[in-house]
Amino acid sequence: MTRTNLNKEIKLFLLLTLLNLTIIIPNISMVVFTQGATQTQYFPLGLSTSWVFDSTDNNASWTTRRYIGEEWEFLGLTFTIYYNEEHDGVWQNKMWLSKTKNSLVWWGFEDEYAKVIAKKGLTYVVEPPEIGASEGGITKADLIIKDNPSEKIKVDFQGEYTIEAIETLTLPAGVFEDCIKVHEMEITPDGTADFYVWYAPAIGPVKFSYPLRNNRTDLLTEYTIVDDDPYETWFMPKVPYVIIGTAVGLVVLIGIIVTFVIIRRKKRRTKNVEKDGE
């Protein structure tokens, strides 16, 4: 092979390498390593989406507002949003949530006293929903007591989430069909939670029932659904997986480059040996 042909071969190889680095690998990794939440309908998570409820228990009544905050956070490689709750305009708590292709995942909880973040998220509901389907499990978590924020306590968090029925509900905000009734049981460092939540397609939560909390009930009165679910339309949730895919692609590409260099050197050595023999 002449020096001119060799130079052309090297230039072509470098061009293909650059093409892989800038276009092919990132796009392939985006397709292979990412999932869009295209099959979920019960959990709209557009930022600023909100739900307002009339809340009552054995002793009092108040207005509860639940809403998706305008901020978001990466927990490790997982893009999460904040699901907040307030009573009569006073913030009470928030949860960290994410979505996969067909499920909602719980990652953490915070109130005025403590904050707990799971090492691995717990699947809450998988769609399409089936009566009797149960999700959840046990996960390790970091607990931070706000009186001592510098200390992280390792704890177990256990949750069991069961779809008990699919119903039609008549509420102050309207009539909602195909609502899934989810029975939530959670064992946390400060006790056990046991309550029910109903979700309507394309709406989200429409009713809450807490039999063990003075028979508290939350009934939906109004809602605002923002049609910009990050898991449907944003690139941001996919970024960590694109990075992983790109890194894997680079490792493969480096291997190819090293192999190419070794082969070229062997060919040169063979030619030199042949010339010396002549």
C-alpha atoms as a PDB file:
ATOM      1  CA  MET A   1       0.000   0.000   0.000  1.00  0.00           C
ATOM      2  CA  THR A   2       1.446   3.404  -0.989  1.00  0.00           C
ATOM      3  CA  ARG A   3       1.850   6.262   1.494  1.00  0.00           C
ATOM      4  CA  THR A   4      -0.922   8.217  -0.358  1.00  0.00           C
ATOM      5  CA  ASN A   5      -3.428   5.366   0.028  1.00  0.00           C
ATOM      6  CA  LEU A   6      -2.422   4.912   3.670  1.00  0.00           C
ATOM      7  CA  ASN A   7      -3.016   8.607   4.375  1.00  0.00           C
ATOM      8  CA  LYS A   8      -6.445   8.400   2.742  1.00  0.00           C
ATOM      9  CA  GLU A   9      -7.285   5.367   4.859  1.00  0.00           C
ATOM     10  CA  ILE A  10      -6.224   7.147   8.059  1.00  0.00           C
ATOM     11  CA  LYS A  11      -8.220  10.283   7.150  1.00  0.00           C
ATOM     12  CA  LEU A  12     -11.317   8.185   6.468  1.00  0.00           C
ATOM     13  CA  PHE A  13     -10.877   6.389   9.799  1.00  0.00           C
ATOM     14  CA  LEU A  14     -10.517   9.694  11.672  1.00  0.00           C
ATOM     15  CA  LEU A  15     -13.610  11.076   9.936  1.00  0.00           C
ATOM     16  CA  LEU A  16     -15.666   8.034  10.926  1.00  0.00           C
ATOM     17  CA  THR A  17     -14.352   8.307  14.492  1.00  0.00           C
ATOM     18  CA  LEU A  18     -15.408  11.957  14.704  1.00  0.00           C
ATOM     19  CA  LEU A  19     -18.811  11.073  13.290  1.00  0.00           C
ATOM     20  CA  ASN A  20     -19.247   8.377  15.939  1.00  0.00           C
ATOM     21  CA  LEU A  21     -18.234  10.711  18.765  1.00  0.00           C
ATOM     22  CA  THR A  22     -20.506  13.601  17.802  1.00  0.00           C
ATOM     23  CA  ILE A  23     -23.570  12.021  16.199  1.00  0.00           C
ATOM     24  CA  ILE A  24     -23.923   8.259  16.046  1.00  0.00           C
ATOM     25  CA  ILE A  25     -23.024   7.187  19.614  1.00  0.00           C
ATOM     26  CA  PRO A  26     -25.109   9.876  21.430  1.00  0.00           C
ATOM     27  CA  ASN A  27     -28.140   9.164  19.269  1.00  0.00           C
ATOM     28  CA  ILE A  28     -27.880   5.385  19.551  1.00  0.00           C
ATOM     29  CA  SER A  29     -27.461   5.647  23.324  1.00  0.00           C
ATOM     30  CA  MET A  30     -30.512   7.896  23.517  1.00  0.00           C
ATOM     31  CA  VAL A  31     -32.611   5.261  21.776  1.00  0.00           C
ATOM     32  CA  VAL A  32     -31.175   2.225  23.562  1.00  0.00           C
ATOM     33  CA  PHE A  33     -30.735   3.537  27.104  1.00  0.00           C
ATOM     34  CA  THR A  34     -33.801   5.772  27.551  1.00  0.00           C
ATOM     35  CA  GLN A  35     -37.506   5.187  28.016  1.00  0.00           C
ATOM     36  CA  GLY A  36     -40.317   7.651  27.560  1.00  0.00           C
ATOM     37  CA  ALA A  37     -43.285   7.564  29.921  1.00  0.00           C
ATOM     38  CA  THR A  38     -45.643   7.027  27.012  1.00  0.00           C
ATOM     39  CA  GLN A  39     -47.908   4.415  28.622  1.00  0.00           C
ATOM     40  CA  THR A  40     -48.899   6.183  31.859  1.00  0.00           C
ATOM     41  CA  GLN A  41     -52.203   8.042  32.055  1.00  0.00           C
ATOM     42  CA  TYR A  42     -53.045   8.188  35.771  1.00  0.00           C
ATOM     43  CA  PHE A  43     -50.112  10.353  36.872  1.00  0.00           C
ATOM     44  CA  PRO A  44     -49.704  13.662  34.995  1.00  0.00           C
ATOM     45  CA  LEU A  45     -46.550  15.308  36.347  1.00  0.00           C
ATOM     46  CA  GLY A  46     -46.338  18.575  34.427  1.00  0.00           C
ATOM     47  CA  LEU A  47     -44.628  21.223  36.566  1.00  0.00           C
ATOM     48  CA  SER A  48     -47.198  23.494  38.305  1.00  0.00           C
ATOM     49  CA  THR A  49     -49.990  20.927  37.897  1.00  0.00           C
ATOM     50  CA  SER A  50     -52.247  21.231  40.969  1.00  0.00           C
ATOM     51  CA  TRP A  51     -55.246  19.638  42.682  1.00  0.00           C
ATOM     52  CA  VAL A  52     -57.459  21.307  45.308  1.00  0.00           C
ATOM     53  CA  PHE A  53     -59.488  19.272  47.834  1.00  0.00           C
ATOM     54  CA  ASP A  54     -62.120  19.837  50.483  1.00  0.00           C
ATOM     55  CA  SER A  55     -60.702  18.079  53.537  1.00  0.00           C
ATOM     56  CA  THR A  56     -62.642  17.015  56.624  1.00  0.00           C
ATOM     57  CA  ASP A  57     -62.111  14.777  59.641  1.00  0.00           C
ATOM     58  CA  ASN A  58     -63.975  14.133  62.891  1.00  0.00           C
ATOM     59  CA  ASN A  59     -62.930  17.510  64.271  1.00  0.00           C
ATOM     60  CA  ALA A  60     -62.359  20.071  61.522  1.00  0.00           C
ATOM     61  CA  SER A  61     -62.398  21.025  57.843  1.00  0.00           C
ATOM     62  CA  TRP A  62     -59.802  22.768  55.670  1.00  0.00           C
ATOM     63  CA  THR A  63     -58.539  23.130  52.097  1.00  0.00           C
ATOM     64  CA  THR A  64     -55.769  20.842  50.900  1.00  0.00           C
ATOM     65  CA  ARG A  65     -53.738  21.667  47.833  1.00  0.00           C
ATOM     66  CA  ARG A  66     -51.373  19.193  46.214  1.00  0.00           C
ATOM     67  CA  TYR A  67     -49.132  20.362  43.406  1.00  0.00           C
ATOM     68  CA  ILE A  68     -46.074  19.583  41.318  1.00  0.00           C
ATOM     69  CA  GLY A  69     -43.360  22.090  42.172  1.00  0.00           C
ATOM     70  CA  GLU A  70     -41.520  24.104  39.556  1.00  0.00           C
ATOM     71  CA  GLU A  71     -38.163  22.673  40.630  1.00  0.00           C
ATOM     72  CA  TRP A  72     -36.721  19.222  40.019  1.00  0.00           C
ATOM     73  CA  GLU A  73     -33.746  17.161  41.182  1.00  0.00           C
ATOM     74  CA  PHE A  74     -31.488  14.296  40.120  1.00  0.00           C
ATOM     75  CA  LEU A  75     -31.234  11.537  42.714  1.00  0.00           C
ATOM     76  CA  GLY A  76     -28.206   9.704  41.406  1.00  0.00           C
ATOM     77  CA  LEU A  77     -29.063   9.033  37.772  1.00  0.00           C
ATOM     78  CA  THR A  78     -32.816   9.495  38.242  1.00  0.00           C
ATOM     79  CA  PHE A  79     -34.652  12.689  37.324  1.00  0.00           C
ATOM     80  CA  THR A  80     -37.297  13.388  39.999  1.00  0.00           C
ATOM     81  CA  ILE A  81     -40.025  15.982  40.568  1.00  0.00           C
ATOM     82  CA  TYR A  82     -41.461  17.376  43.814  1.00  0.00           C
ATOM     83  CA  TYR A  83     -45.055  16.497  44.757  1.00  0.00           C
ATOM     84  CA  ASN A  84     -46.109  18.933  47.494  1.00  0.00           C
ATOM     85  CA  GLU A  85     -49.005  19.180  49.947  1.00  0.00           C
ATOM     86  CA  GLU A  86     -50.259  22.250  51.797  1.00  0.00           C
ATOM     87  CA  HIS A  87     -53.176  22.906  54.164  1.00  0.00           C
ATOM     88  CA  ASP A  88     -54.924  26.278  53.994  1.00  0.00           C
ATOM     89  CA  GLY A  89     -51.867  27.685  52.219  1.00  0.00           C
ATOM     90  CA  VAL A  90     -49.321  26.284  54.706  1.00  0.00           C
ATOM     91  CA  TRP A  91     -46.760  23.801  53.321  1.00  0.00           C
ATOM     92  CA  GLN A  92     -46.931  20.354  54.970  1.00  0.00           C
ATOM     93  CA  ASN A  93     -44.749  17.915  53.055  1.00  0.00           C
ATOM     94  CA  LYS A  94     -43.385  16.804  49.720  1.00  0.00           C
ATOM     95  CA  MET A  95     -42.431  13.587  47.959  1.00  0.00           C
ATOM     96  CA  TRP A  96     -39.841  12.798  45.298  1.00  0.00           C
ATOM     97  CA  LEU A  97     -41.403  10.980  42.331  1.00  0.00           C
ATOM     98  CA  SER A  98     -40.273   9.729  38.946  1.00  0.00           C
ATOM     99  CA  LYS A  99     -41.783   7.803  36.055  1.00  0.00           C
ATOM    100  CA  THR A 100     -40.547   5.006  33.849  1.00  0.00           C
ATOM    101  CA  LYS A 101     -42.184   3.840  30.646  1.00  0.00           C
ATOM    102  CA  ASN A 102     -45.265   2.466  32.400  1.00  0.00           C
ATOM    103  CA  SER A 103     -44.964   3.106  36.139  1.00  0.00           C
ATOM    104  CA  LEU A 104     -44.761   5.706  38.893  1.00  0.00           C
ATOM    105  CA  VAL A 105     -41.825   5.414  41.320  1.00  0.00           C
ATOM    106  CA  TRP A 106     -41.515   6.802  44.881  1.00  0.00           C
ATOM    107  CA  TRP A 107     -38.092   8.075  46.007  1.00  0.00           C
ATOM    108  CA  GLY A 108     -38.478  10.092  49.180  1.00  0.00           C
ATOM    109  CA  PHE A 109     -40.496  12.159  51.640  1.00  0.00           C
ATOM    110  CA  GLU A 110     -39.950  15.355  53.615  1.00  0.00           C
ATOM    111  CA  ASP A 111     -41.933  17.291  56.213  1.00  0.00           C
ATOM    112  CA  GLU A 112     -41.028  19.951  58.769  1.00  0.00           C
ATOM    113  CA  TYR A 113     -39.354  17.386  61.037  1.00  0.00           C
ATOM    114  CA  ALA A 114     -37.454  14.967  58.816  1.00  0.00           C
ATOM    115  CA  LYS A 115     -36.389  13.925  55.333  1.00  0.00           C
ATOM    116  CA  VAL A 116     -35.945  10.382  54.008  1.00  0.00           C
ATOM    117  CA  ILE A 117     -34.410   9.561  50.600  1.00  0.00           C
ATOM    118  CA  ALA A 118     -34.382   6.006  49.244  1.00  0.00           C
ATOM    119  CA  LYS A 119     -31.319   4.361  47.763  1.00  0.00           C
ATOM    120  CA  LYS A 120     -33.593   2.610  45.282  1.00  0.00           C
ATOM    121  CA  GLY A 121     -37.055   3.840  44.357  1.00  0.00           C
ATOM    122  CA  LEU A 122     -40.199   1.842  45.108  1.00  0.00           C
ATOM    123  CA  THR A 123     -42.563   1.192  42.217  1.00  0.00           C
ATOM    124  CA  TYR A 124     -46.008   2.550  43.110  1.00  0.00           C
ATOM    125  CA  VAL A 125     -48.329   1.551  40.250  1.00  0.00           C
ATOM    126  CA  VAL A 126     -47.697  -0.175  36.939  1.00  0.00           C
ATOM    127  CA  GLU A 127     -50.008   0.545  34.012  1.00  0.00           C
ATOM    128  CA  PRO A 128     -52.268  -0.650  32.562  1.00  0.00           C
ATOM    129  CA  PRO A 129     -53.763  -1.159  36.037  1.00  0.00           C
ATOM    130  CA  GLU A 130     -55.149  -4.497  37.164  1.00  0.00           C
ATOM    131  CA  ILE A 131     -57.308  -5.116  40.218  1.00  0.00           C
ATOM    132  CA  GLY A 132     -55.250  -6.962  42.817  1.00  0.00           C
ATOM    133  CA  ALA A 133     -51.886  -5.854  41.413  1.00  0.00           C
ATOM    134  CA  SER A 134     -49.446  -4.989  44.197  1.00  0.00           C
ATOM    135  CA  GLU A 135     -46.164  -3.073  44.024  1.00  0.00           C
ATOM    136  CA  GLY A 136     -43.650  -1.643  46.498  1.00  0.00           C
ATOM    137  CA  GLY A 137     -41.148  -3.545  48.621  1.00  0.00           C
ATOM    138  CA  ILE A 138     -38.354  -2.651  51.031  1.00  0.00           C
ATOM    139  CA  THR A 139     -35.577  -0.184  50.275  1.00  0.00           C
ATOM    140  CA  LYS A 140     -32.630   1.241  52.162  1.00  0.00           C
ATOM    141  CA  ALA A 141     -32.890   4.957  52.842  1.00  0.00           C
ATOM    142  CA  ASP A 142     -31.085   7.887  54.415  1.00  0.00           C
ATOM    143  CA  LEU A 143     -33.047   9.584  57.196  1.00  0.00           C
ATOM    144  CA  ILE A 144     -32.165  13.148  58.204  1.00  0.00           C
ATOM    145  CA  ILE A 145     -33.728  14.625  61.340  1.00  0.00           C
ATOM    146  CA  LYS A 146     -33.897  18.369  60.834  1.00  0.00           C
ATOM    147  CA  ASP A 147     -32.838  19.091  64.414  1.00  0.00           C
ATOM    148  CA  ASN A 148     -29.535  17.423  63.500  1.00  0.00           C
ATOM    149  CA  PRO A 149     -29.152  17.861  59.707  1.00  0.00           C
ATOM    150  CA  SER A 150     -25.491  16.839  59.605  1.00  0.00           C
ATOM    151  CA  GLU A 151     -26.269  13.217  60.566  1.00  0.00           C
ATOM    152  CA  LYS A 152     -27.659  10.632  58.144  1.00  0.00           C
ATOM    153  CA  ILE A 153     -29.341   7.609  59.705  1.00  0.00           C
ATOM    154  CA  LYS A 154     -29.536   4.396  57.675  1.00  0.00           C
ATOM    155  CA  VAL A 155     -33.084   3.022  57.798  1.00  0.00           C
ATOM    156  CA  ASP A 156     -35.388   0.586  56.018  1.00  0.00           C
ATOM    157  CA  PHE A 157     -38.473   1.957  54.287  1.00  0.00           C
ATOM    158  CA  GLN A 158     -41.241  -0.478  53.402  1.00  0.00           C
ATOM    159  CA  GLY A 159     -44.223   0.211  51.190  1.00  0.00           C
ATOM    160  CA  GLU A 160     -47.041  -1.895  49.791  1.00  0.00           C
ATOM    161  CA  TYR A 161     -49.328  -0.399  47.140  1.00  0.00           C
ATOM    162  CA  THR A 162     -52.305  -2.467  45.992  1.00  0.00           C
ATOM    163  CA  ILE A 163     -54.972  -1.649  43.407  1.00  0.00           C
ATOM    164  CA  GLU A 164     -58.180  -2.751  45.148  1.00  0.00           C
ATOM    165  CA  ALA A 165     -60.808  -1.558  42.665  1.00  0.00           C
ATOM    166  CA  ILE A 166     -61.552   0.419  39.496  1.00  0.00           C
ATOM    167  CA  GLU A 167     -64.528   2.696  40.128  1.00  0.00           C
ATOM    168  CA  THR A 168     -66.584   5.675  38.998  1.00  0.00           C
ATOM    169  CA  LEU A 169     -66.588   8.549  41.493  1.00  0.00           C
ATOM    170  CA  THR A 170     -68.930  11.526  41.770  1.00  0.00           C
ATOM    171  CA  LEU A 171     -67.063  14.385  43.430  1.00  0.00           C
ATOM    172  CA  PRO A 172     -67.427  18.167  43.749  1.00  0.00           C
ATOM    173  CA  ALA A 173     -65.103  18.549  40.737  1.00  0.00           C
ATOM    174  CA  GLY A 174     -67.200  16.223  38.550  1.00  0.00           C
ATOM    175  CA  VAL A 175     -67.771  12.605  37.619  1.00  0.00           C
ATOM    176  CA  PHE A 176     -64.609  10.542  37.064  1.00  0.00           C
ATOM    177  CA  GLU A 177     -64.684   7.117  35.437  1.00  0.00           C
ATOM    178  CA  ASP A 178     -62.152   4.274  35.600  1.00  0.00           C
ATOM    179  CA  CYS A 179     -60.613   5.536  38.844  1.00  0.00           C
ATOM    180  CA  ILE A 180     -58.106   3.173  40.412  1.00  0.00           C
ATOM    181  CA  LYS A 181     -58.351   2.762  44.191  1.00  0.00           C
ATOM    182  CA  VAL A 182     -54.865   2.273  45.655  1.00  0.00           C
ATOM    183  CA  HIS A 183     -54.412   0.971  49.195  1.00  0.00           C
ATOM    184  CA  GLU A 184     -51.174   2.365  50.614  1.00  0.00           C
ATOM    185  CA  MET A 185     -49.432   0.743  53.574  1.00  0.00           C
ATOM    186  CA  GLU A 186     -46.065   2.150  54.587  1.00  0.00           C
ATOM    187  CA  ILE A 187     -43.774   1.283  57.480  1.00  0.00           C
ATOM    188  CA  THR A 188     -41.545   4.246  58.182  1.00  0.00           C
ATOM    189  CA  PRO A 189     -39.056   5.085  60.948  1.00  0.00           C
ATOM    190  CA  ASP A 190     -41.772   7.043  62.782  1.00  0.00           C
ATOM    191  CA  GLY A 191     -44.638   4.579  62.424  1.00  0.00           C
ATOM    192  CA  THR A 192     -47.091   2.998  60.003  1.00  0.00           C
ATOM    193  CA  ALA A 193     -49.279   4.750  57.426  1.00  0.00           C
ATOM    194  CA  ASP A 194     -52.441   3.080  56.112  1.00  0.00           C
ATOM    195  CA  PHE A 195     -54.773   4.929  53.732  1.00  0.00           C
ATOM    196  CA  TYR A 196     -56.442   4.965  50.293  1.00  0.00           C
ATOM    197  CA  VAL A 197     -56.024   7.127  47.185  1.00  0.00           C
ATOM    198  CA  TRP A 198     -58.155   7.220  44.022  1.00  0.00           C
ATOM    199  CA  TYR A 199     -56.628   8.302  40.694  1.00  0.00           C
ATOM    200  CA  ALA A 200     -58.510   9.219  37.512  1.00  0.00           C
ATOM    201  CA  PRO A 201     -57.096   8.881  33.984  1.00  0.00           C
ATOM    202  CA  ALA A 202     -55.430  12.096  32.732  1.00  0.00           C
ATOM    203  CA  ILE A 203     -56.323  13.832  36.020  1.00  0.00           C
ATOM    204  CA  GLY A 204     -54.319  12.189  38.802  1.00  0.00           C
ATOM    205  CA  PRO A 205     -55.441  12.059  42.462  1.00  0.00           C
ATOM    206  CA  VAL A 206     -59.149  12.792  43.014  1.00  0.00           C
ATOM    207  CA  LYS A 207     -59.882  11.389  46.476  1.00  0.00           C
ATOM    208  CA  PHE A 208     -58.028  10.429  49.679  1.00  0.00           C
ATOM    209  CA  SER A 209     -59.324   8.472  52.663  1.00  0.00           C
ATOM    210  CA  TYR A 210     -57.449   8.136  55.981  1.00  0.00           C
ATOM    211  CA  PRO A 211     -59.547   5.914  58.321  1.00  0.00           C
ATOM    212  CA  LEU A 212     -56.826   5.903  60.990  1.00  0.00           C
ATOM    213  CA  ARG A 213     -56.465   9.709  61.016  1.00  0.00           C
ATOM    214  CA  ASN A 214     -59.796  10.732  62.515  1.00  0.00           C
ATOM    215  CA  ASN A 215     -61.570   9.512  59.339  1.00  0.00           C
ATOM    216  CA  ARG A 216     -59.993  12.232  57.251  1.00  0.00           C
ATOM    217  CA  THR A 217     -61.318  12.509  53.676  1.00  0.00           C
ATOM    218  CA  ASP A 218     -60.073  14.722  50.813  1.00  0.00           C
ATOM    219  CA  LEU A 219     -62.478  15.279  47.885  1.00  0.00           C
ATOM    220  CA  LEU A 220     -61.347  17.002  44.688  1.00  0.00           C
ATOM    221  CA  THR A 221     -62.978  20.392  44.017  1.00  0.00           C
ATOM    222  CA  GLU A 222     -60.792  21.773  41.216  1.00  0.00           C
ATOM    223  CA  TYR A 223     -57.623  20.985  39.308  1.00  0.00           C
ATOM    224  CA  THR A 224     -55.163  22.395  36.792  1.00  0.00           C
ATOM    225  CA  ILE A 225     -53.323  19.935  34.565  1.00  0.00           C
ATOM    226  CA  VAL A 226     -50.263  21.407  32.848  1.00  0.00           C
ATOM    227  CA  ASP A 227     -49.647  19.560  29.594  1.00  0.00           C
ATOM    228  CA  ASP A 228     -45.862  19.535  29.821  1.00  0.00           C
ATOM    229  CA  ASP A 229     -44.943  16.317  31.607  1.00  0.00           C
ATOM    230  CA  PRO A 230     -41.106  16.236  31.785  1.00  0.00           C
ATOM    231  CA  TYR A 231     -41.131  12.469  31.279  1.00  0.00           C
ATOM    232  CA  GLU A 232     -43.087  12.909  28.059  1.00  0.00           C
ATOM    233  CA  THR A 233     -41.570  16.014  26.488  1.00  0.00           C
ATOM    234  CA  TRP A 234     -38.268  16.946  28.155  1.00  0.00           C
ATOM    235  CA  PHE A 235     -34.802  15.768  27.210  1.00  0.00           C
ATOM    236  CA  MET A 236     -33.484  16.278  30.773  1.00  0.00           C
ATOM    237  CA  PRO A 237     -34.733  12.939  32.230  1.00  0.00           C
ATOM    238  CA  LYS A 238     -32.805  11.130  29.489  1.00  0.00           C
ATOM    239  CA  VAL A 239     -29.457  12.894  30.023  1.00  0.00           C
ATOM    240  CA  PRO A 240     -27.878  10.410  32.509  1.00  0.00           C
ATOM    241  CA  TYR A 241     -28.734   7.447  30.307  1.00  0.00           C
ATOM    242  CA  VAL A 242     -27.369   9.184  27.217  1.00  0.00           C
ATOM    243  CA  ILE A 243     -24.140   9.812  29.134  1.00  0.00           C
ATOM    244  CA  ILE A 244     -23.965   6.133  30.125  1.00  0.00           C
ATOM    245  CA  GLY A 245     -24.659   5.023  26.578  1.00  0.00           C
ATOM    246  CA  THR A 246     -22.086   7.433  25.201  1.00  0.00           C
ATOM    247  CA  ALA A 247     -19.490   6.194  27.703  1.00  0.00           C
ATOM    248  CA  VAL A 248     -20.133   2.587  26.689  1.00  0.00           C
ATOM    249  CA  GLY A 249     -19.868   3.590  23.047  1.00  0.00           C
ATOM    250  CA  LEU A 250     -16.590   5.371  23.681  1.00  0.00           C
ATOM    251  CA  VAL A 251     -15.109   2.298  25.353  1.00  0.00           C
ATOM    252  CA  VAL A 252     -16.060   0.238  22.314  1.00  0.00           C
ATOM    253  CA  LEU A 253     -14.701   2.902  19.985  1.00  0.00           C
ATOM    254  CA  ILE A 254     -11.399   3.091  21.857  1.00  0.00           C
ATOM    255  CA  GLY A 255     -11.119  -0.677  21.554  1.00  0.00           C
ATOM    256  CA  ILE A 256     -11.629  -0.395  17.797  1.00  0.00           C
ATOM    257  CA  ILE A 257      -8.999   2.331  17.551  1.00  0.00           C
ATOM    258  CA  VAL A 258      -6.459   0.304  19.521  1.00  0.00           C
ATOM    259  CA  THR A 259      -7.156  -2.736  17.355  1.00  0.00           C
ATOM    260  CA  PHE A 260      -6.734  -0.630  14.202  1.00  0.00           C
ATOM    261  CA  VAL A 261      -3.400   0.729  15.401  1.00  0.00           C
ATOM    262  CA  ILE A 262      -2.116  -2.744  16.326  1.00  0.00           C
ATOM    263  CA  ILE A 263      -3.107  -4.150  12.927  1.00  0.00           C
ATOM    264  CA  ARG A 264      -1.403  -1.264  11.103  1.00  0.00           C
ATOM    265  CA  ARG A 265       1.790  -1.768  13.101  1.00  0.00           C
ATOM    266  CA  LYS A 266       1.804  -5.505  12.402  1.00  0.00           C
ATOM    267  CA  LYS A 267       1.386  -4.834   8.692  1.00  0.00           C
ATOM    268  CA  ARG A 268       4.280  -2.389   8.736  1.00  0.00           C
ATOM    269  CA  ARG A 269       6.502  -4.846  10.581  1.00  0.00           C
ATOM    270  CA  THR A 270       5.625  -7.591   8.092  1.00  0.00           C
ATOM    271  CA  LYS A 271       6.515  -5.325   5.166  1.00  0.00           C
ATOM    272  CA  ASN A 272       9.804  -4.334   6.783  1.00  0.00           C
ATOM    273  CA  VAL A 273      10.684  -7.989   7.339  1.00  0.00           C
ATOM    274  CA  GLU A 274       9.880  -8.777   3.686  1.00  0.00           C
ATOM    275  CA  LYS A 275      12.067  -5.886   2.518  1.00  0.00           C
ATOM    276  CA  ASP A 276      14.944  -7.012   4.715  1.00  0.00           C
ATOM    277  CA  GLY A 277      14.615 -10.505   3.273  1.00  0.00           C
ATOM    278  CA  GLU A 278      14.975  -9.192  -0.229  1.00  0.00           C
END
